[in-house]
Amino acid sequence: MKNATAIGNKVFRVIDPNAANIFRKATISFLMTIFLFASQIVGNYAFADNTDPAEQQKAREFIEAFSERAIGVLTNKDLTDEQQFGEYRSILNDAFAVDYIARITLSRHRNKATKEELDEYFKLFPEFILKVNSARLKKLDTTRIEVDAVTPHAKSDIFIRTKAFNGDNRGLDVDWRVRTDKDGNVKIIDVKIEGISLVATQRDDFTSRISSSGVSGLNQYMKDIIDGIVFAEEENTAS
Protein backbone atom coordinates (compact mmCIF):
# COMPACT_ATOMS: atom_id res chain seq x y z
CA MET A 1 0.00 0.00 0.00
CA LYS A 2 1.43 3.36 -1.02
CA ASN A 3 2.19 5.85 1.78
CA ALA A 4 1.26 3.26 4.40
CA THR A 5 3.12 1.05 6.86
CA ALA A 6 2.04 -2.03 8.80
CA ILE A 7 2.65 -2.62 12.50
CA GLY A 8 1.33 -5.93 13.67
CA ASN A 9 -2.12 -6.39 12.25
CA LYS A 10 -2.75 -2.66 11.87
CA VAL A 11 -2.01 -0.54 8.85
CA PHE A 12 -1.11 3.10 9.42
CA ARG A 13 -1.26 5.74 6.71
CA VAL A 14 1.96 7.71 6.38
CA ILE A 15 1.14 11.37 5.90
CA ASP A 16 3.50 13.35 3.74
CA PRO A 17 4.67 16.31 5.90
CA ASN A 18 4.58 18.63 2.89
CA ALA A 19 1.03 17.59 2.01
CA ALA A 20 -0.07 18.04 5.62
CA ASN A 21 1.45 21.52 5.69
CA ILE A 22 -0.31 22.47 2.46
CA PHE A 23 -3.61 21.18 3.83
CA ARG A 24 -3.15 23.13 7.08
CA LYS A 25 -2.42 26.37 5.22
CA ALA A 26 -5.39 25.85 2.91
CA THR A 27 -7.67 25.25 5.89
CA ILE A 28 -6.44 28.40 7.65
CA SER A 29 -6.90 30.43 4.47
CA PHE A 30 -10.42 29.08 4.06
CA LEU A 31 -11.36 29.93 7.65
CA MET A 32 -9.86 33.40 7.33
CA THR A 33 -11.87 33.98 4.16
CA ILE A 34 -15.06 32.96 5.94
CA PHE A 35 -14.19 35.22 8.87
CA LEU A 36 -13.50 38.23 6.68
CA PHE A 37 -16.66 37.62 4.66
CA ALA A 38 -18.72 37.37 7.84
CA SER A 39 -17.07 40.51 9.19
CA GLN A 40 -18.01 42.35 6.03
CA ILE A 41 -21.62 41.24 6.33
CA VAL A 42 -21.79 42.27 9.97
CA GLY A 43 -20.05 45.54 9.20
CA ASN A 44 -22.52 46.42 6.48
CA TYR A 45 -25.72 45.11 8.00
CA ALA A 46 -25.32 45.15 11.78
CA PHE A 47 -27.92 47.40 13.32
CA ALA A 48 -28.58 48.73 16.78
CA ASP A 49 -30.55 46.67 19.30
CA ASN A 50 -34.16 47.73 18.70
CA THR A 51 -35.21 46.39 22.12
CA ASP A 52 -32.85 48.80 23.87
CA PRO A 53 -34.91 51.59 25.53
CA ALA A 54 -32.18 54.09 24.62
CA GLU A 55 -32.48 53.18 20.93
CA GLN A 56 -36.26 53.44 21.10
CA GLN A 57 -35.99 56.87 22.69
CA LYS A 58 -33.52 57.90 19.99
CA ALA A 59 -35.97 56.80 17.31
CA ARG A 60 -38.82 58.66 19.03
CA GLU A 61 -36.83 61.89 19.22
CA PHE A 62 -35.82 61.51 15.58
CA ILE A 63 -39.46 61.34 14.43
CA GLU A 64 -40.43 64.22 16.71
CA ALA A 65 -37.66 66.41 15.27
CA PHE A 66 -38.46 65.30 11.72
CA SER A 67 -42.17 66.06 12.19
CA GLU A 68 -41.48 69.51 13.60
CA ARG A 69 -39.17 70.31 10.72
CA ALA A 70 -41.58 69.03 8.04
CA ILE A 71 -44.58 70.86 9.50
CA GLY A 72 -42.49 74.01 9.74
CA VAL A 73 -41.84 73.90 6.00
CA LEU A 74 -45.42 72.91 5.23
CA THR A 75 -46.94 75.82 7.15
CA ASN A 76 -44.40 78.49 6.21
CA LYS A 77 -46.30 80.72 3.78
CA ASP A 78 -43.28 82.95 3.25
CA LEU A 79 -41.42 80.29 1.27
CA THR A 80 -41.57 80.37 -2.51
CA ASP A 81 -42.36 77.14 -4.34
CA GLU A 82 -38.69 76.80 -5.23
CA GLN A 83 -37.58 77.34 -1.62
CA GLN A 84 -40.17 74.90 -0.32
CA PHE A 85 -39.08 72.29 -2.87
CA GLY A 86 -35.48 72.77 -1.76
CA GLU A 87 -36.45 72.24 1.87
CA TYR A 88 -38.33 69.06 0.99
CA ARG A 89 -35.26 67.77 -0.87
CA SER A 90 -33.10 68.43 2.18
CA ILE A 91 -35.58 66.62 4.46
CA LEU A 92 -35.79 63.65 2.09
CA ASN A 93 -32.02 63.26 1.96
CA ASP A 94 -31.56 63.70 5.71
CA ALA A 95 -34.43 61.58 7.03
CA PHE A 96 -35.15 58.81 4.51
CA ALA A 97 -33.08 55.78 3.46
CA VAL A 98 -33.58 56.69 -0.19
CA ASP A 99 -31.24 54.08 -1.72
CA TYR A 100 -32.77 51.30 0.36
CA ILE A 101 -36.32 52.36 -0.55
CA ALA A 102 -35.34 52.51 -4.23
CA ARG A 103 -34.04 48.92 -4.08
CA ILE A 104 -37.06 47.38 -2.36
CA THR A 105 -39.45 49.38 -4.53
CA LEU A 106 -37.90 47.93 -7.68
CA SER A 107 -37.96 44.53 -5.96
CA ARG A 108 -37.28 41.43 -8.08
CA HIS A 109 -37.24 43.43 -11.30
CA ARG A 110 -33.64 44.42 -10.58
CA ASN A 111 -32.64 41.01 -11.93
CA LYS A 112 -34.32 41.69 -15.28
CA ALA A 113 -32.86 45.16 -15.86
CA THR A 114 -29.67 46.01 -17.69
CA LYS A 115 -26.88 47.86 -15.91
CA GLU A 116 -27.72 51.01 -17.87
CA GLU A 117 -31.40 50.77 -16.91
CA LEU A 118 -30.50 50.30 -13.23
CA ASP A 119 -28.06 53.21 -13.24
CA GLU A 120 -30.74 55.45 -14.71
CA TYR A 121 -33.39 54.16 -12.31
CA PHE A 122 -31.34 54.88 -9.18
CA LYS A 123 -30.45 58.31 -10.56
CA LEU A 124 -34.09 59.22 -11.25
CA PHE A 125 -35.74 57.71 -8.17
CA PRO A 126 -34.89 60.37 -5.52
CA GLU A 127 -36.09 63.25 -7.69
CA PHE A 128 -39.19 61.31 -8.74
CA ILE A 129 -40.19 60.58 -5.13
CA LEU A 130 -39.55 64.21 -4.22
CA LYS A 131 -41.66 65.53 -7.10
CA VAL A 132 -44.58 63.20 -6.41
CA ASN A 133 -44.74 63.69 -2.66
CA SER A 134 -44.05 67.42 -2.53
CA ALA A 135 -47.19 67.93 -4.64
CA ARG A 136 -49.20 65.81 -2.22
CA LEU A 137 -47.77 67.50 0.86
CA LYS A 138 -49.01 70.89 -0.30
CA LYS A 139 -52.59 69.61 -0.02
CA LEU A 140 -52.20 68.66 3.63
CA ASP A 141 -53.02 70.96 6.53
CA THR A 142 -51.23 68.96 9.23
CA THR A 143 -50.61 71.16 12.25
CA ARG A 144 -49.04 68.69 14.68
CA ILE A 145 -47.93 65.09 15.03
CA GLU A 146 -48.05 63.30 18.37
CA VAL A 147 -46.27 60.03 19.21
CA ASP A 148 -48.57 57.31 20.56
CA ALA A 149 -46.23 54.33 20.88
CA VAL A 150 -42.76 53.06 20.07
CA THR A 151 -42.40 49.32 19.39
CA PRO A 152 -39.56 47.15 18.04
CA HIS A 153 -40.23 45.26 14.81
CA ALA A 154 -38.34 42.19 13.57
CA LYS A 155 -34.62 42.25 14.41
CA SER A 156 -33.62 45.76 13.48
CA ASP A 157 -36.59 48.08 12.92
CA ILE A 158 -38.70 50.27 15.16
CA PHE A 159 -42.26 51.43 14.54
CA ILE A 160 -43.17 54.91 15.74
CA ARG A 161 -46.96 55.11 15.87
CA THR A 162 -48.16 58.68 15.63
CA LYS A 163 -51.35 60.65 15.19
CA ALA A 164 -51.29 63.48 12.67
CA PHE A 165 -53.81 66.26 13.38
CA ASN A 166 -55.10 68.80 10.91
CA GLY A 167 -56.50 72.29 11.47
CA ASP A 168 -59.88 70.85 12.48
CA ASN A 169 -58.18 68.60 15.05
CA ARG A 170 -59.03 65.46 13.11
CA GLY A 171 -56.47 62.71 13.61
CA LEU A 172 -54.90 60.32 11.15
CA ASP A 173 -52.89 57.21 12.12
CA VAL A 174 -49.36 57.41 10.72
CA ASP A 175 -46.74 54.73 11.45
CA TRP A 176 -43.09 55.45 10.73
CA ARG A 177 -40.81 52.46 10.23
CA VAL A 178 -37.25 53.43 11.07
CA ARG A 179 -33.89 51.68 11.18
CA THR A 180 -30.53 52.69 12.61
CA ASP A 181 -27.75 52.13 10.06
CA LYS A 182 -24.15 51.06 10.72
CA ASP A 183 -23.13 54.70 11.23
CA GLY A 184 -25.69 55.16 13.99
CA ASN A 185 -28.07 57.29 11.91
CA VAL A 186 -31.82 56.72 12.23
CA LYS A 187 -33.53 56.62 8.82
CA ILE A 188 -37.15 56.23 7.71
CA ILE A 189 -37.60 53.16 5.50
CA ASP A 190 -41.41 53.19 5.18
CA VAL A 191 -44.50 55.14 6.18
CA LYS A 192 -47.94 53.64 6.77
CA ILE A 193 -50.95 55.93 6.63
CA GLU A 194 -54.07 54.33 8.07
CA GLY A 195 -52.36 50.96 7.61
CA ILE A 196 -51.40 51.49 3.97
CA SER A 197 -47.68 51.23 3.23
CA LEU A 198 -46.45 53.94 0.89
CA VAL A 199 -43.46 51.81 -0.15
CA ALA A 200 -45.68 48.80 -0.94
CA THR A 201 -48.07 51.01 -2.89
CA GLN A 202 -45.22 52.49 -4.93
CA ARG A 203 -43.76 49.01 -5.52
CA ASP A 204 -47.11 47.75 -6.84
CA ASP A 205 -47.35 50.73 -9.19
CA PHE A 206 -43.81 50.16 -10.48
CA THR A 207 -44.47 46.43 -10.96
CA SER A 208 -47.52 47.24 -13.06
CA ARG A 209 -45.58 49.66 -15.24
CA ILE A 210 -42.65 47.29 -15.68
CA SER A 211 -45.05 44.50 -16.70
CA SER A 212 -46.38 46.64 -19.52
CA SER A 213 -43.29 48.59 -20.66
CA GLY A 214 -40.23 47.21 -18.88
CA VAL A 215 -37.76 49.04 -16.67
CA SER A 216 -36.97 51.41 -19.55
CA GLY A 217 -40.66 52.36 -19.67
CA LEU A 218 -40.68 52.96 -15.91
CA ASN A 219 -37.62 55.19 -16.25
CA GLN A 220 -39.35 57.18 -18.98
CA TYR A 221 -42.42 57.59 -16.77
CA MET A 222 -40.28 58.91 -13.92
CA LYS A 223 -38.58 61.33 -16.32
CA ASP A 224 -41.96 62.62 -17.47
CA ILE A 225 -43.03 63.19 -13.85
CA ILE A 226 -39.79 65.00 -13.02
CA ASP A 227 -39.99 67.17 -16.17
CA GLY A 228 -43.66 67.97 -15.53
CA ILE A 229 -44.82 66.33 -18.77
CA VAL A 230 -47.04 64.00 -16.73
CA PHE A 231 -48.45 64.75 -13.29
CA ALA A 232 -48.72 61.89 -10.82
CA GLU A 233 -52.19 62.88 -9.65
CA GLU A 234 -53.55 62.90 -13.22
CA GLU A 235 -51.84 59.60 -14.05
CA ASN A 236 -53.35 57.91 -11.00
CA THR A 237 -56.80 59.24 -11.86
CA ALA A 238 -56.54 57.97 -15.43
CA SER A 239 -55.51 54.46 -14.35
Foldseek 3Di string as FASTA:
>chain_A
DPQWDDDPPDIGHHDDPVVVVVVVVVVVVVVVVVVVVVVVCCLFFPFDFLVDPVVLVVLVVLVQVLQVQLLVLLPPPVDDPVRSLVSLLVSCVQAAPQQLLLDVLQPPLVVVDDPVLVVLSSVLRSLLVSLQVVVVSNPAQFDHKAWDDWAADDGFKIKTWIWTQGPVRDTWIKIWIWGQGSVRGIHTNWMATNRRIPSVVSSVVLVVQCVPPNSVSVSVVSVCSSVVVDPPVVVVVVD
